[in-house]
Amino acid sequence: MSDEALFWSKKGEVACSQHLPALGDPRRVAEDWQPIPANSMRRISYQCQHCVTGRPIRHNSAKVHAPLAPVILNVDDRPASLYWRDRALRMHGFTVTNAATGEAALHAARQIHPQLVLLDVHLPDMDGREVCRKLKRDEKTASIPVVLISATLAARGEGVHDPRAYDADGYVPEPCDGESLAETLWQVLKGPNQPR
């Protein structure tokens, strides 16, 4: 599958030609879908986020047998934060897909089934803590670890003292650097299952 054409949108979604919005679909223009250029020196391998096989669609890479990077669903309505976390997480070995609302996060989690959801607490359509509870109460997404992240709670001197009170597996106050964010996510992914 290494020769399969891949495309990405300005939202950070990746799709193969089979799952790319059709030419007449308004999403194709609105989300500015473009082909991902082939690059034999690329250190990141991309995969279609809609293929049910779960196998990566890779560009040529020197590390053919490298393990697949965990898929993180990065949820935030602020484009700058979404972009920064997307880039930081990719630099630390994750595959990232993005969502800007609670409803989009719930839909993406059910469709993609990421290894972890990094979930902003304040979203335009619903509180991130409520999104977390819905994910954990849905049998299709209950096993996905959720890490809450918030700049506004930290700015007001608040925090999530026990993430498990919201059925979450972790909490990261912002601002934070990419290394500490990635370290927290790796710990959650490698650690024992938290009580639900």
N, C-alpha and C. Protein backbone atom coordinates (compact mmCIF):
# COMPACT_ATOMS: atom_id res chain seq x y z
N MET A 1 0.80 -1.21 0.00
CA MET A 1 0.00 0.00 0.00
C MET A 1 0.84 1.27 0.00
N SER A 2 2.16 1.13 -0.15
CA SER A 2 3.03 2.30 -0.04
C SER A 2 2.86 3.26 -1.19
N ASP A 3 2.28 2.77 -2.35
CA ASP A 3 2.10 3.65 -3.50
C ASP A 3 0.74 4.34 -3.49
N GLU A 4 -0.09 4.07 -2.50
CA GLU A 4 -1.43 4.66 -2.45
C GLU A 4 -1.33 6.17 -2.26
N ALA A 5 -2.07 6.93 -3.09
CA ALA A 5 -2.08 8.39 -2.97
C ALA A 5 -2.82 8.79 -1.70
N LEU A 6 -2.26 9.77 -1.00
CA LEU A 6 -2.88 10.28 0.22
C LEU A 6 -3.12 11.77 0.08
N PHE A 7 -4.13 12.26 0.80
CA PHE A 7 -4.51 13.66 0.75
C PHE A 7 -4.72 14.15 2.17
N TRP A 8 -4.51 15.46 2.39
CA TRP A 8 -4.80 16.04 3.69
C TRP A 8 -5.57 17.32 3.54
N SER A 9 -6.32 17.63 4.60
CA SER A 9 -7.12 18.85 4.60
C SER A 9 -6.46 19.86 5.53
N LYS A 10 -6.92 21.11 5.46
CA LYS A 10 -6.35 22.13 6.34
C LYS A 10 -6.72 21.86 7.80
N LYS A 11 -7.69 20.97 8.06
CA LYS A 11 -8.04 20.59 9.42
C LYS A 11 -7.11 19.52 9.97
N GLY A 12 -6.25 18.96 9.11
CA GLY A 12 -5.32 17.93 9.57
C GLY A 12 -5.82 16.52 9.32
N GLU A 13 -6.96 16.37 8.63
CA GLU A 13 -7.48 15.04 8.32
C GLU A 13 -6.70 14.45 7.16
N VAL A 14 -6.45 13.14 7.19
CA VAL A 14 -5.73 12.45 6.13
C VAL A 14 -6.64 11.37 5.56
N ALA A 15 -6.70 11.29 4.23
CA ALA A 15 -7.56 10.29 3.59
C ALA A 15 -6.89 9.75 2.33
N CYS A 16 -7.20 8.50 2.01
CA CYS A 16 -6.75 7.92 0.75
C CYS A 16 -7.72 8.36 -0.34
N SER A 17 -7.42 8.01 -1.59
CA SER A 17 -8.27 8.46 -2.70
C SER A 17 -9.69 7.90 -2.58
N GLN A 18 -9.84 6.73 -1.96
CA GLN A 18 -11.17 6.14 -1.78
C GLN A 18 -12.02 6.94 -0.79
N HIS A 19 -11.38 7.52 0.24
CA HIS A 19 -12.12 8.23 1.27
C HIS A 19 -12.04 9.75 1.14
N LEU A 20 -11.36 10.25 0.13
CA LEU A 20 -11.29 11.68 -0.16
C LEU A 20 -12.67 12.19 -0.55
N PRO A 21 -13.11 13.36 -0.05
CA PRO A 21 -14.39 13.90 -0.50
C PRO A 21 -14.42 14.02 -2.02
N ALA A 22 -15.55 13.69 -2.63
CA ALA A 22 -15.69 13.71 -4.09
C ALA A 22 -15.53 15.13 -4.63
N LEU A 23 -15.24 15.24 -5.92
CA LEU A 23 -15.02 16.55 -6.54
C LEU A 23 -16.19 17.50 -6.35
N GLY A 24 -17.42 17.02 -6.36
CA GLY A 24 -18.57 17.89 -6.19
C GLY A 24 -18.93 18.16 -4.73
N ASP A 25 -18.26 17.51 -3.80
CA ASP A 25 -18.56 17.66 -2.37
C ASP A 25 -18.05 19.02 -1.87
N PRO A 26 -18.90 19.84 -1.25
CA PRO A 26 -18.46 21.16 -0.76
C PRO A 26 -17.31 21.08 0.25
N ARG A 27 -17.20 19.94 0.97
CA ARG A 27 -16.08 19.78 1.92
C ARG A 27 -14.73 19.84 1.21
N ARG A 28 -14.69 19.35 -0.03
CA ARG A 28 -13.41 19.27 -0.75
C ARG A 28 -12.79 20.66 -0.90
N VAL A 29 -13.62 21.65 -1.20
CA VAL A 29 -13.14 23.03 -1.37
C VAL A 29 -13.01 23.72 -0.02
N ALA A 30 -14.04 23.59 0.82
CA ALA A 30 -14.05 24.29 2.11
C ALA A 30 -12.88 23.87 3.00
N GLU A 31 -12.52 22.59 2.96
CA GLU A 31 -11.44 22.09 3.81
C GLU A 31 -10.10 22.07 3.10
N ASP A 32 -10.07 22.56 1.84
CA ASP A 32 -8.83 22.71 1.07
C ASP A 32 -8.01 21.42 1.01
N TRP A 33 -8.63 20.35 0.51
CA TRP A 33 -7.94 19.07 0.39
C TRP A 33 -6.84 19.16 -0.66
N GLN A 34 -5.65 18.69 -0.31
CA GLN A 34 -4.49 18.71 -1.20
C GLN A 34 -3.78 17.36 -1.14
N PRO A 35 -3.11 16.95 -2.24
CA PRO A 35 -2.33 15.71 -2.17
C PRO A 35 -1.13 15.90 -1.24
N ILE A 36 -0.78 14.86 -0.52
CA ILE A 36 0.43 14.89 0.31
C ILE A 36 1.60 14.57 -0.61
N PRO A 37 2.57 15.49 -0.75
CA PRO A 37 3.67 15.23 -1.67
C PRO A 37 4.51 14.04 -1.22
N ALA A 38 4.91 13.23 -2.18
CA ALA A 38 5.80 12.11 -1.87
C ALA A 38 7.16 12.66 -1.48
N ASN A 39 7.75 12.10 -0.46
CA ASN A 39 9.06 12.56 0.01
C ASN A 39 9.77 11.38 0.65
N SER A 40 10.81 10.88 -0.01
CA SER A 40 11.51 9.70 0.50
C SER A 40 12.27 9.99 1.79
N MET A 41 12.47 11.27 2.12
CA MET A 41 13.20 11.63 3.34
C MET A 41 12.26 11.89 4.51
N ARG A 42 10.95 11.77 4.31
CA ARG A 42 9.98 12.07 5.35
C ARG A 42 10.15 11.11 6.52
N ARG A 43 10.19 11.65 7.74
CA ARG A 43 10.32 10.82 8.93
C ARG A 43 8.97 10.41 9.50
N ILE A 44 7.91 11.06 9.06
CA ILE A 44 6.57 10.75 9.55
C ILE A 44 5.83 9.97 8.48
N SER A 45 5.17 8.89 8.86
CA SER A 45 4.36 8.16 7.91
C SER A 45 2.89 8.48 8.18
N TYR A 46 2.15 8.68 7.10
CA TYR A 46 0.75 9.03 7.21
C TYR A 46 -0.11 7.83 6.89
N GLN A 47 -1.33 7.81 7.40
CA GLN A 47 -2.27 6.76 7.08
C GLN A 47 -3.66 7.36 6.92
N CYS A 48 -4.46 6.72 6.11
CA CYS A 48 -5.84 7.15 5.95
C CYS A 48 -6.56 6.92 7.27
N GLN A 49 -7.27 7.94 7.73
CA GLN A 49 -7.96 7.84 9.01
C GLN A 49 -9.31 7.16 8.89
N HIS A 50 -9.65 6.70 7.70
CA HIS A 50 -10.97 6.10 7.49
C HIS A 50 -10.88 4.62 7.10
N CYS A 51 -9.71 4.15 6.71
CA CYS A 51 -9.57 2.75 6.31
C CYS A 51 -9.76 1.85 7.52
N VAL A 52 -10.54 0.82 7.38
CA VAL A 52 -10.86 -0.04 8.52
C VAL A 52 -9.74 -1.03 8.82
N THR A 53 -8.77 -1.17 7.92
CA THR A 53 -7.71 -2.15 8.16
C THR A 53 -6.80 -1.71 9.29
N GLY A 54 -6.67 -0.41 9.49
CA GLY A 54 -5.78 0.08 10.53
C GLY A 54 -4.32 0.01 10.13
N ARG A 55 -4.05 -0.47 8.91
CA ARG A 55 -2.66 -0.54 8.47
C ARG A 55 -2.23 0.82 7.93
N PRO A 56 -0.98 1.22 8.18
CA PRO A 56 -0.55 2.53 7.71
C PRO A 56 -0.35 2.53 6.21
N ILE A 57 -0.61 3.67 5.60
CA ILE A 57 -0.24 3.89 4.21
C ILE A 57 1.01 4.74 4.27
N ARG A 58 2.15 4.16 3.96
CA ARG A 58 3.42 4.81 4.22
C ARG A 58 4.07 5.33 2.94
N HIS A 59 4.77 6.45 3.08
CA HIS A 59 5.71 6.84 2.04
C HIS A 59 6.96 6.00 2.24
N ASN A 60 7.83 5.95 1.22
CA ASN A 60 9.06 5.18 1.37
C ASN A 60 9.80 5.66 2.60
N SER A 61 10.25 4.72 3.39
CA SER A 61 10.91 5.07 4.64
C SER A 61 12.03 4.09 4.91
N ALA A 62 13.10 4.58 5.54
CA ALA A 62 14.21 3.71 5.90
C ALA A 62 13.79 2.75 7.01
N LYS A 63 12.81 3.14 7.82
CA LYS A 63 12.38 2.32 8.95
C LYS A 63 11.09 1.59 8.58
N VAL A 64 11.20 0.60 7.71
CA VAL A 64 10.03 -0.11 7.23
C VAL A 64 9.37 -0.89 8.36
N HIS A 65 10.16 -1.40 9.32
CA HIS A 65 9.62 -2.24 10.37
C HIS A 65 9.35 -1.47 11.65
N ALA A 66 9.34 -0.14 11.59
CA ALA A 66 9.09 0.65 12.80
C ALA A 66 7.65 0.43 13.25
N PRO A 67 7.42 0.39 14.56
CA PRO A 67 6.05 0.22 15.05
C PRO A 67 5.19 1.42 14.67
N LEU A 68 3.90 1.19 14.58
CA LEU A 68 2.99 2.27 14.23
C LEU A 68 2.92 3.28 15.37
N ALA A 69 2.87 4.55 15.00
CA ALA A 69 2.74 5.60 16.01
C ALA A 69 1.32 5.61 16.55
N PRO A 70 1.16 5.79 17.87
CA PRO A 70 -0.19 5.86 18.42
C PRO A 70 -0.97 7.03 17.82
N VAL A 71 -2.24 6.82 17.54
CA VAL A 71 -3.09 7.87 16.99
C VAL A 71 -3.72 8.66 18.13
N ILE A 72 -3.50 9.96 18.15
CA ILE A 72 -4.05 10.86 19.15
C ILE A 72 -5.13 11.70 18.51
N LEU A 73 -6.31 11.72 19.12
CA LEU A 73 -7.37 12.64 18.70
C LEU A 73 -7.20 13.91 19.52
N ASN A 74 -6.80 14.99 18.86
CA ASN A 74 -6.47 16.27 19.48
C ASN A 74 -7.68 17.19 19.34
N VAL A 75 -8.31 17.57 20.47
CA VAL A 75 -9.58 18.30 20.41
C VAL A 75 -9.43 19.68 21.04
N ASP A 76 -9.65 20.74 20.26
CA ASP A 76 -9.61 22.11 20.75
C ASP A 76 -10.27 23.01 19.71
N ASP A 77 -11.03 24.01 20.16
CA ASP A 77 -11.68 24.91 19.21
C ASP A 77 -10.79 26.09 18.82
N ARG A 78 -9.64 26.25 19.48
CA ARG A 78 -8.74 27.36 19.15
C ARG A 78 -7.73 26.89 18.10
N PRO A 79 -7.78 27.43 16.88
CA PRO A 79 -6.89 26.94 15.82
C PRO A 79 -5.42 26.99 16.18
N ALA A 80 -4.96 28.03 16.87
CA ALA A 80 -3.54 28.13 17.21
C ALA A 80 -3.13 27.00 18.15
N SER A 81 -3.95 26.70 19.14
CA SER A 81 -3.64 25.62 20.08
C SER A 81 -3.69 24.26 19.39
N LEU A 82 -4.70 24.09 18.54
CA LEU A 82 -4.84 22.84 17.80
C LEU A 82 -3.61 22.60 16.94
N TYR A 83 -3.17 23.65 16.23
CA TYR A 83 -2.01 23.54 15.35
C TYR A 83 -0.74 23.25 16.15
N TRP A 84 -0.52 24.00 17.24
CA TRP A 84 0.69 23.82 18.04
C TRP A 84 0.78 22.40 18.59
N ARG A 85 -0.33 21.92 19.17
CA ARG A 85 -0.30 20.57 19.74
C ARG A 85 -0.14 19.51 18.66
N ASP A 86 -0.77 19.72 17.51
CA ASP A 86 -0.62 18.78 16.39
C ASP A 86 0.85 18.63 16.03
N ARG A 87 1.53 19.76 15.86
CA ARG A 87 2.95 19.72 15.47
C ARG A 87 3.82 19.14 16.57
N ALA A 88 3.58 19.54 17.82
CA ALA A 88 4.38 19.06 18.94
C ALA A 88 4.23 17.54 19.10
N LEU A 89 3.02 17.05 18.98
CA LEU A 89 2.80 15.61 19.15
C LEU A 89 3.40 14.81 18.01
N ARG A 90 3.29 15.33 16.79
CA ARG A 90 3.91 14.62 15.65
C ARG A 90 5.44 14.55 15.83
N MET A 91 6.02 15.63 16.35
CA MET A 91 7.47 15.64 16.58
C MET A 91 7.88 14.63 17.65
N HIS A 92 6.96 14.25 18.52
CA HIS A 92 7.27 13.30 19.59
C HIS A 92 6.73 11.89 19.31
N GLY A 93 6.49 11.60 18.03
CA GLY A 93 6.21 10.22 17.63
C GLY A 93 4.78 9.78 17.56
N PHE A 94 3.84 10.73 17.59
CA PHE A 94 2.43 10.37 17.50
C PHE A 94 1.88 10.65 16.11
N THR A 95 0.83 9.95 15.74
CA THR A 95 0.01 10.30 14.59
C THR A 95 -1.17 11.09 15.16
N VAL A 96 -1.53 12.19 14.52
CA VAL A 96 -2.53 13.09 15.10
C VAL A 96 -3.67 13.34 14.13
N THR A 97 -4.88 13.31 14.66
CA THR A 97 -6.05 13.79 13.94
C THR A 97 -6.73 14.82 14.84
N ASN A 98 -7.41 15.78 14.26
CA ASN A 98 -7.91 16.92 15.01
C ASN A 98 -9.43 17.05 14.93
N ALA A 99 -10.00 17.63 15.99
CA ALA A 99 -11.42 17.97 16.02
C ALA A 99 -11.58 19.27 16.78
N ALA A 100 -12.57 20.09 16.39
CA ALA A 100 -12.73 21.43 16.98
C ALA A 100 -13.95 21.56 17.87
N THR A 101 -14.80 20.53 17.95
CA THR A 101 -15.99 20.61 18.79
C THR A 101 -16.17 19.29 19.52
N GLY A 102 -17.03 19.32 20.54
CA GLY A 102 -17.33 18.10 21.26
C GLY A 102 -18.01 17.06 20.39
N GLU A 103 -18.97 17.49 19.58
CA GLU A 103 -19.68 16.56 18.70
C GLU A 103 -18.72 15.93 17.69
N ALA A 104 -17.82 16.75 17.13
CA ALA A 104 -16.84 16.22 16.17
C ALA A 104 -15.92 15.21 16.85
N ALA A 105 -15.56 15.49 18.11
CA ALA A 105 -14.69 14.57 18.85
C ALA A 105 -15.39 13.23 19.09
N LEU A 106 -16.66 13.27 19.48
CA LEU A 106 -17.41 12.04 19.71
C LEU A 106 -17.52 11.22 18.42
N HIS A 107 -17.81 11.90 17.33
CA HIS A 107 -17.92 11.22 16.03
C HIS A 107 -16.58 10.62 15.62
N ALA A 108 -15.51 11.42 15.72
CA ALA A 108 -14.18 10.94 15.31
C ALA A 108 -13.72 9.77 16.17
N ALA A 109 -13.98 9.83 17.46
CA ALA A 109 -13.56 8.73 18.35
C ALA A 109 -14.25 7.42 17.96
N ARG A 110 -15.53 7.51 17.58
CA ARG A 110 -16.26 6.30 17.17
C ARG A 110 -15.77 5.78 15.82
N GLN A 111 -15.42 6.69 14.91
CA GLN A 111 -15.00 6.27 13.57
C GLN A 111 -13.55 5.82 13.52
N ILE A 112 -12.67 6.57 14.16
CA ILE A 112 -11.22 6.32 14.06
C ILE A 112 -10.72 5.39 15.16
N HIS A 113 -11.34 5.45 16.31
CA HIS A 113 -10.92 4.72 17.51
C HIS A 113 -9.43 4.96 17.79
N PRO A 114 -9.06 6.20 18.16
CA PRO A 114 -7.66 6.53 18.43
C PRO A 114 -7.16 5.82 19.68
N GLN A 115 -5.84 5.82 19.86
CA GLN A 115 -5.27 5.22 21.07
C GLN A 115 -5.46 6.12 22.30
N LEU A 116 -5.67 7.44 22.06
CA LEU A 116 -5.86 8.38 23.17
C LEU A 116 -6.57 9.63 22.65
N VAL A 117 -7.39 10.25 23.52
CA VAL A 117 -8.03 11.53 23.18
C VAL A 117 -7.44 12.60 24.09
N LEU A 118 -6.87 13.65 23.49
CA LEU A 118 -6.38 14.82 24.22
C LEU A 118 -7.47 15.87 24.08
N LEU A 119 -8.17 16.18 25.18
CA LEU A 119 -9.45 16.87 25.12
C LEU A 119 -9.42 18.18 25.89
N ASP A 120 -9.62 19.29 25.17
CA ASP A 120 -9.71 20.60 25.82
C ASP A 120 -10.99 20.64 26.66
N VAL A 121 -10.90 21.30 27.82
CA VAL A 121 -12.04 21.35 28.72
C VAL A 121 -13.13 22.29 28.19
N HIS A 122 -12.75 23.41 27.56
CA HIS A 122 -13.73 24.39 27.10
C HIS A 122 -13.88 24.32 25.58
N LEU A 123 -15.03 23.82 25.14
CA LEU A 123 -15.34 23.69 23.73
C LEU A 123 -16.60 24.51 23.45
N PRO A 124 -16.84 24.91 22.20
CA PRO A 124 -17.96 25.80 21.92
C PRO A 124 -19.33 25.16 22.09
N ASP A 125 -19.43 23.85 21.90
CA ASP A 125 -20.75 23.22 21.94
C ASP A 125 -21.05 22.46 23.22
N MET A 126 -20.01 22.03 23.94
CA MET A 126 -20.23 21.35 25.22
C MET A 126 -18.93 21.33 26.01
N ASP A 127 -19.04 21.16 27.31
CA ASP A 127 -17.88 21.10 28.18
C ASP A 127 -17.10 19.82 27.89
N GLY A 128 -15.78 19.94 27.82
CA GLY A 128 -14.94 18.78 27.54
C GLY A 128 -15.10 17.67 28.56
N ARG A 129 -15.40 18.03 29.80
CA ARG A 129 -15.61 17.01 30.83
C ARG A 129 -16.85 16.18 30.54
N GLU A 130 -17.86 16.82 29.95
CA GLU A 130 -19.06 16.09 29.54
C GLU A 130 -18.75 15.19 28.34
N VAL A 131 -17.92 15.69 27.41
CA VAL A 131 -17.49 14.87 26.27
C VAL A 131 -16.78 13.62 26.79
N CYS A 132 -15.92 13.81 27.78
CA CYS A 132 -15.19 12.69 28.37
C CYS A 132 -16.16 11.66 28.95
N ARG A 133 -17.14 12.13 29.70
CA ARG A 133 -18.12 11.21 30.29
C ARG A 133 -18.87 10.43 29.20
N LYS A 134 -19.23 11.12 28.11
CA LYS A 134 -19.94 10.45 27.02
C LYS A 134 -19.06 9.39 26.36
N LEU A 135 -17.78 9.71 26.17
CA LEU A 135 -16.86 8.74 25.58
C LEU A 135 -16.76 7.49 26.46
N LYS A 136 -16.68 7.70 27.77
CA LYS A 136 -16.50 6.58 28.69
C LYS A 136 -17.77 5.77 28.89
N ARG A 137 -18.92 6.35 28.56
CA ARG A 137 -20.18 5.62 28.73
C ARG A 137 -20.65 4.95 27.44
N ASP A 138 -19.90 5.17 26.36
CA ASP A 138 -20.21 4.54 25.07
C ASP A 138 -19.34 3.29 24.95
N GLU A 139 -19.97 2.13 24.77
CA GLU A 139 -19.18 0.89 24.73
C GLU A 139 -18.16 0.87 23.59
N LYS A 140 -18.39 1.64 22.53
CA LYS A 140 -17.44 1.68 21.42
C LYS A 140 -16.19 2.50 21.73
N THR A 141 -16.28 3.42 22.69
CA THR A 141 -15.15 4.31 22.98
C THR A 141 -14.69 4.25 24.44
N ALA A 142 -15.34 3.43 25.26
CA ALA A 142 -15.06 3.41 26.70
C ALA A 142 -13.62 3.05 27.03
N SER A 143 -12.97 2.26 26.19
CA SER A 143 -11.61 1.82 26.49
C SER A 143 -10.54 2.82 26.07
N ILE A 144 -10.93 3.89 25.38
CA ILE A 144 -9.95 4.88 24.91
C ILE A 144 -9.55 5.80 26.07
N PRO A 145 -8.26 5.89 26.40
CA PRO A 145 -7.84 6.83 27.44
C PRO A 145 -8.11 8.27 27.02
N VAL A 146 -8.53 9.09 27.99
CA VAL A 146 -8.80 10.51 27.74
C VAL A 146 -7.95 11.34 28.69
N VAL A 147 -7.22 12.32 28.13
CA VAL A 147 -6.46 13.27 28.94
C VAL A 147 -7.06 14.65 28.71
N LEU A 148 -7.52 15.27 29.79
CA LEU A 148 -8.07 16.63 29.72
C LEU A 148 -6.93 17.64 29.71
N ILE A 149 -7.14 18.76 29.00
CA ILE A 149 -6.14 19.82 28.95
C ILE A 149 -6.88 21.15 29.00
N SER A 150 -6.31 22.12 29.74
CA SER A 150 -6.99 23.41 29.86
C SER A 150 -6.02 24.52 30.20
N ALA A 151 -6.19 25.65 29.51
CA ALA A 151 -5.46 26.87 29.86
C ALA A 151 -6.31 27.73 30.77
N THR A 152 -7.62 27.73 30.56
CA THR A 152 -8.50 28.63 31.33
C THR A 152 -8.62 28.21 32.79
N LEU A 153 -8.68 26.91 33.05
CA LEU A 153 -8.76 26.47 34.44
C LEU A 153 -7.50 26.87 35.20
N ALA A 154 -6.34 26.67 34.57
CA ALA A 154 -5.07 27.02 35.21
C ALA A 154 -4.97 28.53 35.42
N ALA A 155 -5.46 29.32 34.45
CA ALA A 155 -5.39 30.78 34.56
C ALA A 155 -6.24 31.30 35.71
N ARG A 156 -7.34 30.59 36.01
CA ARG A 156 -8.21 31.00 37.12
C ARG A 156 -7.79 30.37 38.44
N GLY A 157 -6.65 29.67 38.42
CA GLY A 157 -6.19 29.03 39.65
C GLY A 157 -6.93 27.75 39.97
N GLU A 158 -7.68 27.24 39.00
CA GLU A 158 -8.41 26.00 39.19
C GLU A 158 -7.62 24.87 38.54
N GLY A 159 -8.08 23.71 38.73
CA GLY A 159 -7.46 22.56 38.10
C GLY A 159 -8.39 21.37 38.19
N VAL A 160 -7.94 20.28 37.62
CA VAL A 160 -8.67 19.03 37.74
C VAL A 160 -7.84 18.20 38.71
N HIS A 161 -8.19 18.27 40.00
CA HIS A 161 -7.37 17.62 41.02
C HIS A 161 -7.42 16.10 40.92
N ASP A 162 -8.56 15.57 40.52
CA ASP A 162 -8.68 14.14 40.31
C ASP A 162 -9.41 13.91 38.99
N PRO A 163 -8.64 13.68 37.91
CA PRO A 163 -9.28 13.51 36.60
C PRO A 163 -10.31 12.38 36.58
N ARG A 164 -10.15 11.40 37.47
CA ARG A 164 -11.08 10.27 37.47
C ARG A 164 -12.49 10.69 37.86
N ALA A 165 -12.60 11.85 38.52
CA ALA A 165 -13.94 12.36 38.86
C ALA A 165 -14.74 12.66 37.59
N TYR A 166 -14.04 12.88 36.48
CA TYR A 166 -14.69 13.14 35.19
C TYR A 166 -14.51 11.95 34.25
N ASP A 167 -14.11 10.80 34.81
CA ASP A 167 -13.83 9.58 34.04
C ASP A 167 -12.61 9.73 33.15
N ALA A 168 -11.77 10.73 33.38
CA ALA A 168 -10.58 10.95 32.57
C ALA A 168 -9.40 10.14 33.12
N ASP A 169 -8.39 9.95 32.28
CA ASP A 169 -7.21 9.19 32.67
C ASP A 169 -6.03 10.09 33.01
N GLY A 170 -6.17 11.40 32.78
CA GLY A 170 -5.11 12.33 33.09
C GLY A 170 -5.54 13.76 32.84
N TYR A 171 -4.70 14.68 33.30
CA TYR A 171 -4.96 16.12 33.13
C TYR A 171 -3.65 16.84 32.91
N VAL A 172 -3.64 17.79 31.96
CA VAL A 172 -2.47 18.61 31.67
C VAL A 172 -2.89 20.07 31.74
N PRO A 173 -2.30 20.87 32.67
CA PRO A 173 -2.58 22.31 32.68
C PRO A 173 -1.74 23.00 31.61
N GLU A 174 -2.32 23.98 30.94
CA GLU A 174 -1.56 24.79 29.99
C GLU A 174 -1.22 26.12 30.64
N PRO A 175 -0.12 26.76 30.24
CA PRO A 175 0.78 26.36 29.15
C PRO A 175 1.68 25.20 29.56
N CYS A 176 2.07 24.42 28.57
CA CYS A 176 3.02 23.34 28.79
C CYS A 176 3.87 23.23 27.53
N ASP A 177 5.03 22.62 27.68
CA ASP A 177 5.89 22.44 26.50
C ASP A 177 5.59 21.09 25.86
N GLY A 178 6.02 20.94 24.61
CA GLY A 178 5.74 19.73 23.86
C GLY A 178 6.29 18.48 24.51
N GLU A 179 7.46 18.59 25.11
CA GLU A 179 8.09 17.41 25.71
C GLU A 179 7.30 16.90 26.91
N SER A 180 6.88 17.81 27.79
CA SER A 180 6.12 17.37 28.96
C SER A 180 4.74 16.87 28.57
N LEU A 181 4.14 17.49 27.56
CA LEU A 181 2.85 17.01 27.07
C LEU A 181 2.98 15.59 26.53
N ALA A 182 3.98 15.37 25.68
CA ALA A 182 4.19 14.04 25.11
C ALA A 182 4.50 13.02 26.19
N GLU A 183 5.29 13.40 27.18
CA GLU A 183 5.64 12.49 28.27
C GLU A 183 4.40 12.05 29.04
N THR A 184 3.50 13.00 29.30
CA THR A 184 2.25 12.66 30.00
C THR A 184 1.43 11.67 29.18
N LEU A 185 1.32 11.92 27.87
CA LEU A 185 0.52 11.03 27.03
C LEU A 185 1.12 9.64 26.95
N TRP A 186 2.46 9.57 26.83
CA TRP A 186 3.12 8.25 26.80
C TRP A 186 2.89 7.51 28.11
N GLN A 187 2.95 8.23 29.24
CA GLN A 187 2.71 7.58 30.55
C GLN A 187 1.31 7.01 30.63
N VAL A 188 0.33 7.78 30.15
CA VAL A 188 -1.05 7.28 30.17
C VAL A 188 -1.19 6.06 29.27
N LEU A 189 -0.57 6.11 28.09
CA LEU A 189 -0.68 4.99 27.16
C LEU A 189 -0.01 3.73 27.70
N LYS A 190 1.09 3.90 28.41
CA LYS A 190 1.85 2.73 28.90
C LYS A 190 1.40 2.29 30.29
N GLY A 191 0.70 3.17 31.02
CA GLY A 191 0.36 2.87 32.40
C GLY A 191 -0.80 1.91 32.53
N PRO A 192 -1.06 1.47 33.78
CA PRO A 192 -2.18 0.57 34.02
C PRO A 192 -3.50 1.29 33.78
N ASN A 193 -4.51 0.54 33.50
CA ASN A 193 -5.85 1.13 33.30
C ASN A 193 -6.31 1.82 34.57
N GLN A 194 -6.82 3.03 34.38
CA GLN A 194 -7.33 3.78 35.54
C GLN A 194 -8.74 3.28 35.85
N PRO A 195 -9.15 3.40 37.09
CA PRO A 195 -10.54 3.05 37.41
C PRO A 195 -11.49 3.93 36.62
N ARG A 196 -12.58 3.36 36.16
CA ARG A 196 -13.56 4.11 35.36
C ARG A 196 -14.66 4.63 36.25
